[in-house]
Amino acid sequence: IPSAVMEEIEYHEDRKLDKAQLLRLAACNYIDEGHHVVLEGASGNGKTYIACALGNAACRRMKTVRYIRMPELLDE
């Protein structure tokens, strides 16, 4: 989702998103530290959007980004 950005994430209480943690991830320090992000949750709760928003945040910082879905990850 090329238009996905961290600023547009909706932090409604029922989504139980940790805004502070997502903002820390948006700083992309985890990339420099060699860590990965794995998003889990029920279908339709916004995992793809958040993943793309984090990817776009990293691209803005000139980081290399790879998006892969679980089935492809398991195949790999």
PDB file of N, CA and C in Angstrom:
ATOM      1  N   ILE A   1       0.863  -1.175   0.000  1.00  0.00           N
ATOM      2  CA  ILE A   1       0.000   0.000   0.000  1.00  0.00           C
ATOM      3  C   ILE A   1       0.905   1.232   0.000  1.00  0.00           C
ATOM      4  N   PRO A   2       1.183   1.801  -1.140  1.00  0.00           N
ATOM      5  CA  PRO A   2       2.112   2.930  -1.214  1.00  0.00           C
ATOM      6  C   PRO A   2       1.695   4.138  -0.385  1.00  0.00           C
ATOM      7  N   SER A   3       0.402   4.302  -0.164  1.00  0.00           N
ATOM      8  CA  SER A   3      -0.080   5.479   0.574  1.00  0.00           C
ATOM      9  C   SER A   3      -0.122   5.272   2.088  1.00  0.00           C
ATOM     10  N   ALA A   4       0.248   4.102   2.571  1.00  0.00           N
ATOM     11  CA  ALA A   4       0.179   3.816   4.010  1.00  0.00           C
ATOM     12  C   ALA A   4       1.250   4.606   4.756  1.00  0.00           C
ATOM     13  N   VAL A   5       0.827   5.357   5.753  1.00  0.00           N
ATOM     14  CA  VAL A   5       1.765   6.139   6.559  1.00  0.00           C
ATOM     15  C   VAL A   5       1.414   6.007   8.035  1.00  0.00           C
ATOM     16  N   MET A   6       2.422   6.104   8.854  1.00  0.00           N
ATOM     17  CA  MET A   6       2.226   5.970  10.298  1.00  0.00           C
ATOM     18  C   MET A   6       1.257   7.025  10.839  1.00  0.00           C
ATOM     19  N   GLU A   7       1.271   8.202  10.240  1.00  0.00           N
ATOM     20  CA  GLU A   7       0.417   9.296  10.709  1.00  0.00           C
ATOM     21  C   GLU A   7      -1.070   9.012  10.518  1.00  0.00           C
ATOM     22  N   GLU A   8      -1.404   8.071   9.664  1.00  0.00           N
ATOM     23  CA  GLU A   8      -2.810   7.774   9.377  1.00  0.00           C
ATOM     24  C   GLU A   8      -3.349   6.563  10.154  1.00  0.00           C
ATOM     25  N   ILE A   9      -2.519   5.934  10.971  1.00  0.00           N
ATOM     26  CA  ILE A   9      -2.991   4.785  11.756  1.00  0.00           C
ATOM     27  C   ILE A   9      -4.008   5.260  12.780  1.00  0.00           C
ATOM     28  N   GLU A  10      -5.100   4.555  12.868  1.00  0.00           N
ATOM     29  CA  GLU A  10      -6.164   4.898  13.803  1.00  0.00           C
ATOM     30  C   GLU A  10      -6.011   4.054  15.068  1.00  0.00           C
ATOM     31  N   TYR A  11      -5.835   4.716  16.183  1.00  0.00           N
ATOM     32  CA  TYR A  11      -5.572   4.048  17.453  1.00  0.00           C
ATOM     33  C   TYR A  11      -6.836   3.938  18.302  1.00  0.00           C
ATOM     34  N   HIS A  12      -7.888   3.392  17.712  1.00  0.00           N
ATOM     35  CA  HIS A  12      -9.126   3.186  18.465  1.00  0.00           C
ATOM     36  C   HIS A  12      -8.867   2.165  19.578  1.00  0.00           C
ATOM     37  N   GLU A  13      -9.520   2.365  20.689  1.00  0.00           N
ATOM     38  CA  GLU A  13      -9.297   1.510  21.863  1.00  0.00           C
ATOM     39  C   GLU A  13      -9.516   0.034  21.567  1.00  0.00           C
ATOM     40  N   ASP A  14     -10.520  -0.284  20.765  1.00  0.00           N
ATOM     41  CA  ASP A  14     -10.823  -1.694  20.490  1.00  0.00           C
ATOM     42  C   ASP A  14      -9.751  -2.373  19.630  1.00  0.00           C
ATOM     43  N   ARG A  15      -8.875  -1.590  18.988  1.00  0.00           N
ATOM     44  CA  ARG A  15      -7.796  -2.179  18.189  1.00  0.00           C
ATOM     45  C   ARG A  15      -6.616  -2.593  19.055  1.00  0.00           C
ATOM     46  N   LYS A  16      -6.554  -2.054  20.245  1.00  0.00           N
ATOM     47  CA  LYS A  16      -5.511  -2.403  21.223  1.00  0.00           C
ATOM     48  C   LYS A  16      -4.105  -2.262  20.641  1.00  0.00           C
ATOM     49  N   LEU A  17      -3.880  -1.169  19.934  1.00  0.00           N
ATOM     50  CA  LEU A  17      -2.560  -0.891  19.380  1.00  0.00           C
ATOM     51  C   LEU A  17      -1.755  -0.075  20.386  1.00  0.00           C
ATOM     52  N   ASP A  18      -0.511  -0.391  20.515  1.00  0.00           N
ATOM     53  CA  ASP A  18       0.383   0.346  21.396  1.00  0.00           C
ATOM     54  C   ASP A  18       1.017   1.473  20.589  1.00  0.00           C
ATOM     55  N   LYS A  19       0.462   2.666  20.710  1.00  0.00           N
ATOM     56  CA  LYS A  19       0.912   3.795  19.909  1.00  0.00           C
ATOM     57  C   LYS A  19       2.387   4.102  20.163  1.00  0.00           C
ATOM     58  N   ALA A  20       2.800   4.069  21.413  1.00  0.00           N
ATOM     59  CA  ALA A  20       4.199   4.361  21.739  1.00  0.00           C
ATOM     60  C   ALA A  20       5.135   3.368  21.053  1.00  0.00           C
ATOM     61  N   GLN A  21       4.753   2.105  21.067  1.00  0.00           N
ATOM     62  CA  GLN A  21       5.606   1.095  20.426  1.00  0.00           C
ATOM     63  C   GLN A  21       5.651   1.289  18.913  1.00  0.00           C
ATOM     64  N   LEU A  22       4.525   1.577  18.303  1.00  0.00           N
ATOM     65  CA  LEU A  22       4.520   1.794  16.859  1.00  0.00           C
ATOM     66  C   LEU A  22       5.343   3.024  16.483  1.00  0.00           C
ATOM     67  N   LEU A  23       5.295   4.060  17.300  1.00  0.00           N
ATOM     68  CA  LEU A  23       6.105   5.241  17.028  1.00  0.00           C
ATOM     69  C   LEU A  23       7.593   4.933  17.188  1.00  0.00           C
ATOM     70  N   ARG A  24       7.938   4.085  18.149  1.00  0.00           N
ATOM     71  CA  ARG A  24       9.340   3.655  18.289  1.00  0.00           C
ATOM     72  C   ARG A  24       9.767   2.869  17.049  1.00  0.00           C
ATOM     73  N   LEU A  25       8.907   1.986  16.581  1.00  0.00           N
ATOM     74  CA  LEU A  25       9.230   1.221  15.380  1.00  0.00           C
ATOM     75  C   LEU A  25       9.381   2.132  14.162  1.00  0.00           C
ATOM     76  N   ALA A  26       8.587   3.185  14.103  1.00  0.00           N
ATOM     77  CA  ALA A  26       8.658   4.121  12.980  1.00  0.00           C
ATOM     78  C   ALA A  26      10.009   4.830  12.921  1.00  0.00           C
ATOM     79  N   ALA A  27      10.721   4.882  14.031  1.00  0.00           N
ATOM     80  CA  ALA A  27      12.061   5.491  14.051  1.00  0.00           C
ATOM     81  C   ALA A  27      13.093   4.579  13.380  1.00  0.00           C
ATOM     82  N   CYS A  28      12.740   3.320  13.162  1.00  0.00           N
ATOM     83  CA  CYS A  28      13.547   2.344  12.416  1.00  0.00           C
ATOM     84  C   CYS A  28      14.832   1.907  13.114  1.00  0.00           C
ATOM     85  N   ASN A  29      14.952   2.095  14.397  1.00  0.00           N
ATOM     86  CA  ASN A  29      16.139   1.620  15.117  1.00  0.00           C
ATOM     87  C   ASN A  29      16.252   0.107  15.068  1.00  0.00           C
ATOM     88  N   TYR A  30      15.123  -0.575  15.019  1.00  0.00           N
ATOM     89  CA  TYR A  30      15.153  -2.039  14.974  1.00  0.00           C
ATOM     90  C   TYR A  30      15.893  -2.539  13.732  1.00  0.00           C
ATOM     91  N   ILE A  31      15.836  -1.789  12.664  1.00  0.00           N
ATOM     92  CA  ILE A  31      16.538  -2.185  11.435  1.00  0.00           C
ATOM     93  C   ILE A  31      18.039  -2.103  11.653  1.00  0.00           C
ATOM     94  N   ASP A  32      18.484  -0.982  12.220  1.00  0.00           N
ATOM     95  CA  ASP A  32      19.914  -0.810  12.488  1.00  0.00           C
ATOM     96  C   ASP A  32      20.441  -1.868  13.451  1.00  0.00           C
ATOM     97  N   GLU A  33      19.561  -2.355  14.331  1.00  0.00           N
ATOM     98  CA  GLU A  33      19.938  -3.374  15.317  1.00  0.00           C
ATOM     99  C   GLU A  33      19.801  -4.792  14.772  1.00  0.00           C
ATOM    100  N   GLY A  34      19.355  -4.931  13.530  1.00  0.00           N
ATOM    101  CA  GLY A  34      19.239  -6.248  12.908  1.00  0.00           C
ATOM    102  C   GLY A  34      18.035  -7.051  13.337  1.00  0.00           C
ATOM    103  N   HIS A  35      16.974  -6.377  13.795  1.00  0.00           N
ATOM    104  CA  HIS A  35      15.763  -7.073  14.226  1.00  0.00           C
ATOM    105  C   HIS A  35      14.711  -7.034  13.122  1.00  0.00           C
ATOM    106  N   HIS A  36      13.701  -7.860  13.271  1.00  0.00           N
ATOM    107  CA  HIS A  36      12.599  -7.931  12.325  1.00  0.00           C
ATOM    108  C   HIS A  36      11.309  -7.596  13.050  1.00  0.00           C
ATOM    109  N   VAL A  37      10.279  -7.305  12.278  1.00  0.00           N
ATOM    110  CA  VAL A  37       8.951  -7.063  12.838  1.00  0.00           C
ATOM    111  C   VAL A  37       8.016  -8.121  12.273  1.00  0.00           C
ATOM    112  N   VAL A  38       7.312  -8.793  13.154  1.00  0.00           N
ATOM    113  CA  VAL A  38       6.303  -9.766  12.761  1.00  0.00           C
ATOM    114  C   VAL A  38       4.987  -9.283  13.338  1.00  0.00           C
ATOM    115  N   LEU A  39       4.003  -9.101  12.487  1.00  0.00           N
ATOM    116  CA  LEU A  39       2.683  -8.657  12.927  1.00  0.00           C
ATOM    117  C   LEU A  39       1.745  -9.846  12.931  1.00  0.00           C
ATOM    118  N   GLU A  40       0.973  -9.956  13.978  1.00  0.00           N
ATOM    119  CA  GLU A  40       0.008 -11.040  14.067  1.00  0.00           C
ATOM    120  C   GLU A  40      -1.328 -10.487  14.536  1.00  0.00           C
ATOM    121  N   GLY A  41      -2.372 -11.201  14.208  1.00  0.00           N
ATOM    122  CA  GLY A  41      -3.697 -10.777  14.632  1.00  0.00           C
ATOM    123  C   GLY A  41      -4.747 -11.333  13.697  1.00  0.00           C
ATOM    124  N   ALA A  42      -5.981 -11.057  14.045  1.00  0.00           N
ATOM    125  CA  ALA A  42      -7.117 -11.554  13.272  1.00  0.00           C
ATOM    126  C   ALA A  42      -7.173 -10.903  11.905  1.00  0.00           C
ATOM    127  N   SER A  43      -7.800 -11.587  10.992  1.00  0.00           N
ATOM    128  CA  SER A  43      -7.991 -11.073   9.637  1.00  0.00           C
ATOM    129  C   SER A  43      -8.779  -9.768   9.696  1.00  0.00           C
ATOM    130  N   GLY A  44      -8.310  -8.804   8.937  1.00  0.00           N
ATOM    131  CA  GLY A  44      -9.043  -7.546   8.843  1.00  0.00           C
ATOM    132  C   GLY A  44      -8.738  -6.517   9.907  1.00  0.00           C
ATOM    133  N   ASN A  45      -7.692  -6.746  10.723  1.00  0.00           N
ATOM    134  CA  ASN A  45      -7.433  -5.779  11.786  1.00  0.00           C
ATOM    135  C   ASN A  45      -6.351  -4.763  11.442  1.00  0.00           C
ATOM    136  N   GLY A  46      -5.853  -4.770  10.207  1.00  0.00           N
ATOM    137  CA  GLY A  46      -4.937  -3.723   9.776  1.00  0.00           C
ATOM    138  C   GLY A  46      -3.467  -4.078   9.745  1.00  0.00           C
ATOM    139  N   LYS A  47      -3.145  -5.358   9.805  1.00  0.00           N
ATOM    140  CA  LYS A  47      -1.729  -5.775   9.800  1.00  0.00           C
ATOM    141  C   LYS A  47      -1.011  -5.324   8.533  1.00  0.00           C
ATOM    142  N   THR A  48      -1.654  -5.505   7.395  1.00  0.00           N
ATOM    143  CA  THR A  48      -1.031  -5.132   6.130  1.00  0.00           C
ATOM    144  C   THR A  48      -0.775  -3.636   6.085  1.00  0.00           C
ATOM    145  N   TYR A  49      -1.735  -2.846   6.507  1.00  0.00           N
ATOM    146  CA  TYR A  49      -1.568  -1.395   6.493  1.00  0.00           C
ATOM    147  C   TYR A  49      -0.409  -0.983   7.402  1.00  0.00           C
ATOM    148  N   ILE A  50      -0.361  -1.535   8.600  1.00  0.00           N
ATOM    149  CA  ILE A  50       0.713  -1.194   9.533  1.00  0.00           C
ATOM    150  C   ILE A  50       2.065  -1.619   8.971  1.00  0.00           C
ATOM    151  N   ALA A  51       2.125  -2.807   8.385  1.00  0.00           N
ATOM    152  CA  ALA A  51       3.381  -3.278   7.788  1.00  0.00           C
ATOM    153  C   ALA A  51       3.836  -2.330   6.684  1.00  0.00           C
ATOM    154  N   CYS A  52       2.913  -1.923   5.845  1.00  0.00           N
ATOM    155  CA  CYS A  52       3.266  -1.013   4.755  1.00  0.00           C
ATOM    156  C   CYS A  52       3.651   0.366   5.288  1.00  0.00           C
ATOM    157  N   ALA A  53       2.969   0.827   6.323  1.00  0.00           N
ATOM    158  CA  ALA A  53       3.319   2.119   6.921  1.00  0.00           C
ATOM    159  C   ALA A  53       4.720   2.071   7.522  1.00  0.00           C
ATOM    160  N   LEU A  54       5.055   0.972   8.182  1.00  0.00           N
ATOM    161  CA  LEU A  54       6.415   0.826   8.720  1.00  0.00           C
ATOM    162  C   LEU A  54       7.435   0.744   7.590  1.00  0.00           C
ATOM    163  N   GLY A  55       7.092   0.037   6.534  1.00  0.00           N
ATOM    164  CA  GLY A  55       7.974  -0.053   5.384  1.00  0.00           C
ATOM    165  C   GLY A  55       8.198   1.306   4.740  1.00  0.00           C
ATOM    166  N   ASN A  56       7.140   2.079   4.608  1.00  0.00           N
ATOM    167  CA  ASN A  56       7.267   3.414   4.035  1.00  0.00           C
ATOM    168  C   ASN A  56       8.091   4.329   4.936  1.00  0.00           C
ATOM    169  N   ALA A  57       7.932   4.189   6.255  1.00  0.00           N
ATOM    170  CA  ALA A  57       8.747   4.973   7.192  1.00  0.00           C
ATOM    171  C   ALA A  57      10.221   4.629   7.014  1.00  0.00           C
ATOM    172  N   ALA A  58      10.514   3.349   6.820  1.00  0.00           N
ATOM    173  CA  ALA A  58      11.900   2.921   6.618  1.00  0.00           C
ATOM    174  C   ALA A  58      12.434   3.435   5.292  1.00  0.00           C
ATOM    175  N   CYS A  59      11.624   3.376   4.254  1.00  0.00           N
ATOM    176  CA  CYS A  59      12.060   3.877   2.945  1.00  0.00           C
ATOM    177  C   CYS A  59      12.399   5.362   3.016  1.00  0.00           C
ATOM    178  N   ARG A  60      11.631   6.110   3.774  1.00  0.00           N
ATOM    179  CA  ARG A  60      11.915   7.539   3.945  1.00  0.00           C
ATOM    180  C   ARG A  60      13.278   7.771   4.590  1.00  0.00           C
ATOM    181  N   ARG A  61      13.740   6.771   5.326  1.00  0.00           N
ATOM    182  CA  ARG A  61      15.049   6.854   5.979  1.00  0.00           C
ATOM    183  C   ARG A  61      16.120   6.112   5.171  1.00  0.00           C
ATOM    184  N   MET A  62      15.785   5.834   3.910  1.00  0.00           N
ATOM    185  CA  MET A  62      16.721   5.191   2.988  1.00  0.00           C
ATOM    186  C   MET A  62      17.137   3.792   3.427  1.00  0.00           C
ATOM    187  N   LYS A  63      16.229   3.072   4.070  1.00  0.00           N
ATOM    188  CA  LYS A  63      16.469   1.695   4.495  1.00  0.00           C
ATOM    189  C   LYS A  63      15.938   0.737   3.439  1.00  0.00           C
ATOM    190  N   THR A  64      16.537  -0.433   3.382  1.00  0.00           N
ATOM    191  CA  THR A  64      16.043  -1.486   2.504  1.00  0.00           C
ATOM    192  C   THR A  64      14.884  -2.180   3.203  1.00  0.00           C
ATOM    193  N   VAL A  65      13.823  -2.421   2.463  1.00  0.00           N
ATOM    194  CA  VAL A  65      12.601  -2.978   3.034  1.00  0.00           C
ATOM    195  C   VAL A  65      12.199  -4.224   2.264  1.00  0.00           C
ATOM    196  N   ARG A  66      11.701  -5.204   2.990  1.00  0.00           N
ATOM    197  CA  ARG A  66      11.142  -6.400   2.359  1.00  0.00           C
ATOM    198  C   ARG A  66       9.838  -6.744   3.052  1.00  0.00           C
ATOM    199  N   TYR A  67       8.796  -6.883   2.270  1.00  0.00           N
ATOM    200  CA  TYR A  67       7.487  -7.281   2.776  1.00  0.00           C
ATOM    201  C   TYR A  67       7.250  -8.704   2.314  1.00  0.00           C
ATOM    202  N   ILE A  68       6.921  -9.569   3.246  1.00  0.00           N
ATOM    203  CA  ILE A  68       6.644 -10.959   2.879  1.00  0.00           C
ATOM    204  C   ILE A  68       5.509 -11.475   3.756  1.00  0.00           C
ATOM    205  N   ARG A  69       4.587 -12.181   3.120  1.00  0.00           N
ATOM    206  CA  ARG A  69       3.464 -12.766   3.856  1.00  0.00           C
ATOM    207  C   ARG A  69       3.883 -14.117   4.405  1.00  0.00           C
ATOM    208  N   MET A  70       3.191 -14.566   5.430  1.00  0.00           N
ATOM    209  CA  MET A  70       3.548 -15.802   6.116  1.00  0.00           C
ATOM    210  C   MET A  70       3.631 -17.012   5.183  1.00  0.00           C
ATOM    211  N   PRO A  71       2.683 -17.228   4.259  1.00  0.00           N
ATOM    212  CA  PRO A  71       2.809 -18.407   3.387  1.00  0.00           C
ATOM    213  C   PRO A  71       4.112 -18.404   2.584  1.00  0.00           C
ATOM    214  N   GLU A  72       4.483 -17.225   2.063  1.00  0.00           N
ATOM    215  CA  GLU A  72       5.730 -17.137   1.305  1.00  0.00           C
ATOM    216  C   GLU A  72       6.939 -17.307   2.217  1.00  0.00           C
ATOM    217  N   LEU A  73       6.866 -16.794   3.410  1.00  0.00           N
ATOM    218  CA  LEU A  73       7.951 -16.937   4.369  1.00  0.00           C
ATOM    219  C   LEU A  73       8.183 -18.406   4.704  1.00  0.00           C
ATOM    220  N   LEU A  74       7.103 -19.129   4.899  1.00  0.00           N
ATOM    221  CA  LEU A  74       7.210 -20.553   5.204  1.00  0.00           C
ATOM    222  C   LEU A  74       7.777 -21.324   4.012  1.00  0.00           C
ATOM    223  N   ASP A  75       7.386 -20.955   2.804  1.00  0.00           N
ATOM    224  CA  ASP A  75       7.932 -21.602   1.612  1.00  0.00           C
ATOM    225  C   ASP A  75       9.420 -21.356   1.490  1.00  0.00           C
ATOM    226  N   GLU A  76       9.822 -20.153   1.844  1.00  0.00           N
ATOM    227  CA  GLU A  76      11.234 -19.787   1.740  1.00  0.00           C
ATOM    228  C   GLU A  76      12.065 -20.529   2.773  1.00  0.00           C
TER     229      GLU A  76
END
